[in-house]
Amino acid sequence: MTVPPISFDQLVQHHRREILAYLIRVLGNVHDAEDVCQDALIRAYRSFDPVILNSNARAWLYRIATNSALNALKRRRRAAAREVSLAALERIPASVHDFDHRARLRRVALAVDQLPPRQRAALMQRRFHDLSYEEIAVSLNCNATTARAHVYQAIKKLRQAAWE
């Protein structure tokens, strides 16, 4: 039984919010993420082929979004231009009074911001979007072993930062 081809509109309706959330995590702010998401969807539209994409359209979209995000990070010279956004830490529940815990969370947030772009992308795809290593590999244009290594190295760096 063959699966009927998916339209581009259906693909976007089904995955846009997920891709945008991923880009927000990778890029660190909503404004840049919306711009990159729009760019990624334009690129996807230009190369859309429903027959070829029926098998793994989600990973294909992640690949385009990841490439667009990596290009955006390069353009703004990530180390100099990015500001650390600790807005998420501001939303820590009031019941958390442990200063050491809050300080550790700040160190981890800073460490996430300093991860190499491919490690950060792999970590976000795995931990927040439940992509398999094979899907991450497609989105990062590498093999599953390399995708797994990116996630491992990112987690290792974050653990190290949490306990420094």
Protein backbone atom coordinates (compact mmCIF):
# COMPACT_ATOMS: atom_id res chain seq x y z
CA MET A 1 0.00 0.00 0.00
CA THR A 2 1.46 3.33 -1.01
CA VAL A 3 1.02 6.46 1.02
CA PRO A 4 -0.53 9.35 -0.87
CA PRO A 5 1.85 12.28 -1.40
CA ILE A 6 1.68 15.04 1.18
CA SER A 7 1.15 18.63 0.08
CA PHE A 8 3.54 21.37 1.13
CA ASP A 9 0.76 23.11 3.05
CA GLN A 10 0.03 19.92 5.00
CA LEU A 11 3.72 19.49 5.77
CA VAL A 12 4.03 23.07 7.04
CA GLN A 13 0.81 22.88 9.09
CA HIS A 14 2.00 19.68 10.72
CA HIS A 15 5.60 20.68 11.54
CA ARG A 16 5.94 24.49 11.59
CA ARG A 17 5.37 24.98 15.33
CA GLU A 18 7.82 22.19 16.15
CA ILE A 19 10.47 23.58 13.80
CA LEU A 20 9.99 27.09 15.22
CA ALA A 21 10.36 25.84 18.80
CA TYR A 22 13.54 24.02 17.78
CA LEU A 23 14.93 27.16 16.13
CA ILE A 24 14.13 29.25 19.20
CA ARG A 25 16.21 26.86 21.29
CA VAL A 26 19.07 26.79 18.80
CA LEU A 27 19.19 30.52 18.11
CA GLY A 28 18.28 31.77 21.57
CA ASN A 29 15.53 34.22 20.67
CA VAL A 30 12.14 34.30 19.04
CA HIS A 31 12.81 37.08 16.53
CA ASP A 32 15.81 35.37 14.91
CA ALA A 33 14.03 32.01 15.04
CA GLU A 34 11.00 33.38 13.20
CA ASP A 35 13.25 34.87 10.49
CA VAL A 36 15.21 31.65 10.09
CA CYS A 37 12.02 29.57 10.13
CA GLN A 38 10.60 31.68 7.32
CA ASP A 39 13.86 31.31 5.38
CA ALA A 40 13.87 27.55 5.95
CA LEU A 41 10.27 27.18 4.78
CA ILE A 42 11.03 29.18 1.62
CA ARG A 43 14.00 26.91 0.95
CA ALA A 44 11.85 23.87 1.62
CA TYR A 45 9.16 25.11 -0.75
CA ARG A 46 11.70 25.61 -3.52
CA SER A 47 12.95 22.04 -3.26
CA PHE A 48 9.70 20.31 -2.26
CA ASP A 49 9.02 16.98 -3.93
CA PRO A 50 6.13 15.08 -2.29
CA VAL A 51 7.04 11.75 -3.86
CA ILE A 52 10.59 11.72 -2.50
CA LEU A 53 9.64 13.16 0.89
CA ASN A 54 6.91 10.75 1.84
CA SER A 55 9.30 8.62 3.87
CA ASN A 56 10.95 11.18 6.15
CA ALA A 57 9.65 14.70 5.59
CA ARG A 58 10.15 15.66 9.25
CA ALA A 59 13.88 14.94 9.19
CA TRP A 60 14.13 16.70 5.82
CA LEU A 61 12.56 19.85 7.33
CA TYR A 62 14.87 19.65 10.34
CA ARG A 63 17.84 19.45 8.00
CA ILE A 64 16.79 22.58 6.15
CA ALA A 65 16.04 24.39 9.42
CA THR A 66 19.36 23.31 10.91
CA ASN A 67 21.31 24.48 7.87
CA SER A 68 19.46 27.80 7.93
CA ALA A 69 20.18 28.19 11.65
CA LEU A 70 23.87 27.35 11.23
CA ASN A 71 24.11 29.92 8.43
CA ALA A 72 22.43 32.54 10.62
CA LEU A 73 24.82 31.80 13.47
CA LYS A 74 27.81 32.17 11.17
CA ARG A 75 26.51 35.48 9.80
CA ARG A 76 26.22 37.11 13.17
CA ARG A 77 29.53 35.76 14.46
CA ARG A 78 27.98 33.81 17.26
CA ALA A 79 30.62 34.44 19.92
CA ALA A 80 30.57 38.24 19.57
CA ALA A 81 26.99 39.01 18.62
CA ARG A 82 24.91 36.64 20.72
CA GLU A 83 23.71 37.77 24.06
CA VAL A 84 23.09 35.21 26.73
CA SER A 85 19.40 34.93 27.35
CA LEU A 86 18.66 33.93 30.90
CA ALA A 87 14.97 34.68 30.58
CA ALA A 88 14.15 31.03 31.16
CA LEU A 89 15.88 31.19 34.52
CA GLU A 90 13.67 34.10 35.52
CA ARG A 91 10.71 31.71 35.35
CA ILE A 92 12.09 29.32 37.96
CA PRO A 93 9.30 28.62 40.47
CA ALA A 94 9.41 30.69 43.65
CA SER A 95 9.67 27.47 45.67
CA VAL A 96 13.24 27.08 44.45
CA HIS A 97 15.27 29.06 46.98
CA ASP A 98 18.51 27.18 46.78
CA PHE A 99 21.11 29.72 45.66
CA ASP A 100 23.53 27.00 44.59
CA HIS A 101 20.86 25.40 42.43
CA ARG A 102 20.07 28.73 40.73
CA ALA A 103 23.77 29.43 40.19
CA ARG A 104 24.20 25.97 38.66
CA LEU A 105 21.27 26.60 36.32
CA ARG A 106 22.86 29.88 35.21
CA ARG A 107 26.15 28.10 34.47
CA VAL A 108 24.32 25.47 32.43
CA ALA A 109 22.39 28.16 30.50
CA LEU A 110 25.68 29.90 29.71
CA ALA A 111 27.22 26.58 28.70
CA VAL A 112 24.32 25.82 26.33
CA ASP A 113 24.84 29.19 24.73
CA GLN A 114 28.54 28.43 24.23
CA LEU A 115 28.11 24.98 22.69
CA PRO A 116 29.31 24.60 19.12
CA PRO A 117 26.30 25.03 16.80
CA ARG A 118 26.16 21.39 15.63
CA GLN A 119 26.32 20.07 19.21
CA ARG A 120 23.65 22.50 20.32
CA ALA A 121 21.40 21.58 17.39
CA ALA A 122 21.85 17.85 18.02
CA LEU A 123 21.13 18.25 21.74
CA MET A 124 17.97 20.28 21.13
CA GLN A 125 16.69 17.84 18.51
CA ARG A 126 17.29 14.85 20.78
CA ARG A 127 16.23 16.17 24.19
CA PHE A 128 13.42 18.58 23.30
CA HIS A 129 12.07 17.27 19.99
CA ASP A 130 12.56 13.52 20.45
CA LEU A 131 14.30 12.98 17.12
CA SER A 132 16.12 9.71 16.67
CA TYR A 133 19.85 9.74 16.01
CA GLU A 134 19.08 8.78 12.42
CA GLU A 135 16.78 11.80 12.04
CA ILE A 136 19.37 14.07 13.66
CA ALA A 137 21.97 12.66 11.26
CA VAL A 138 19.77 13.61 8.31
CA SER A 139 19.26 17.13 9.66
CA LEU A 140 22.99 17.65 10.36
CA ASN A 141 24.14 15.90 7.20
CA CYS A 142 26.24 13.34 9.06
CA ASN A 143 25.86 9.71 10.14
CA ALA A 144 24.00 8.47 13.22
CA THR A 145 27.24 7.77 15.09
CA THR A 146 28.37 11.37 14.62
CA ALA A 147 24.94 12.64 15.68
CA ARG A 148 25.17 10.53 18.84
CA ALA A 149 28.67 11.92 19.47
CA HIS A 150 27.40 15.50 19.12
CA VAL A 151 24.70 14.87 21.72
CA TYR A 152 27.15 13.08 24.03
CA GLN A 153 29.73 15.88 23.83
CA ALA A 154 27.07 18.53 24.46
CA ILE A 155 25.78 16.71 27.55
CA LYS A 156 29.31 16.17 28.78
CA LYS A 157 30.06 19.91 28.50
CA LEU A 158 26.82 20.83 30.25
CA ARG A 159 27.47 18.44 33.13
CA GLN A 160 30.95 19.85 33.47
CA ALA A 161 29.60 23.41 33.54
CA ALA A 162 26.96 22.53 36.13
CA TRP A 163 29.56 21.38 38.64
CA GLU A 164 32.31 23.95 38.08
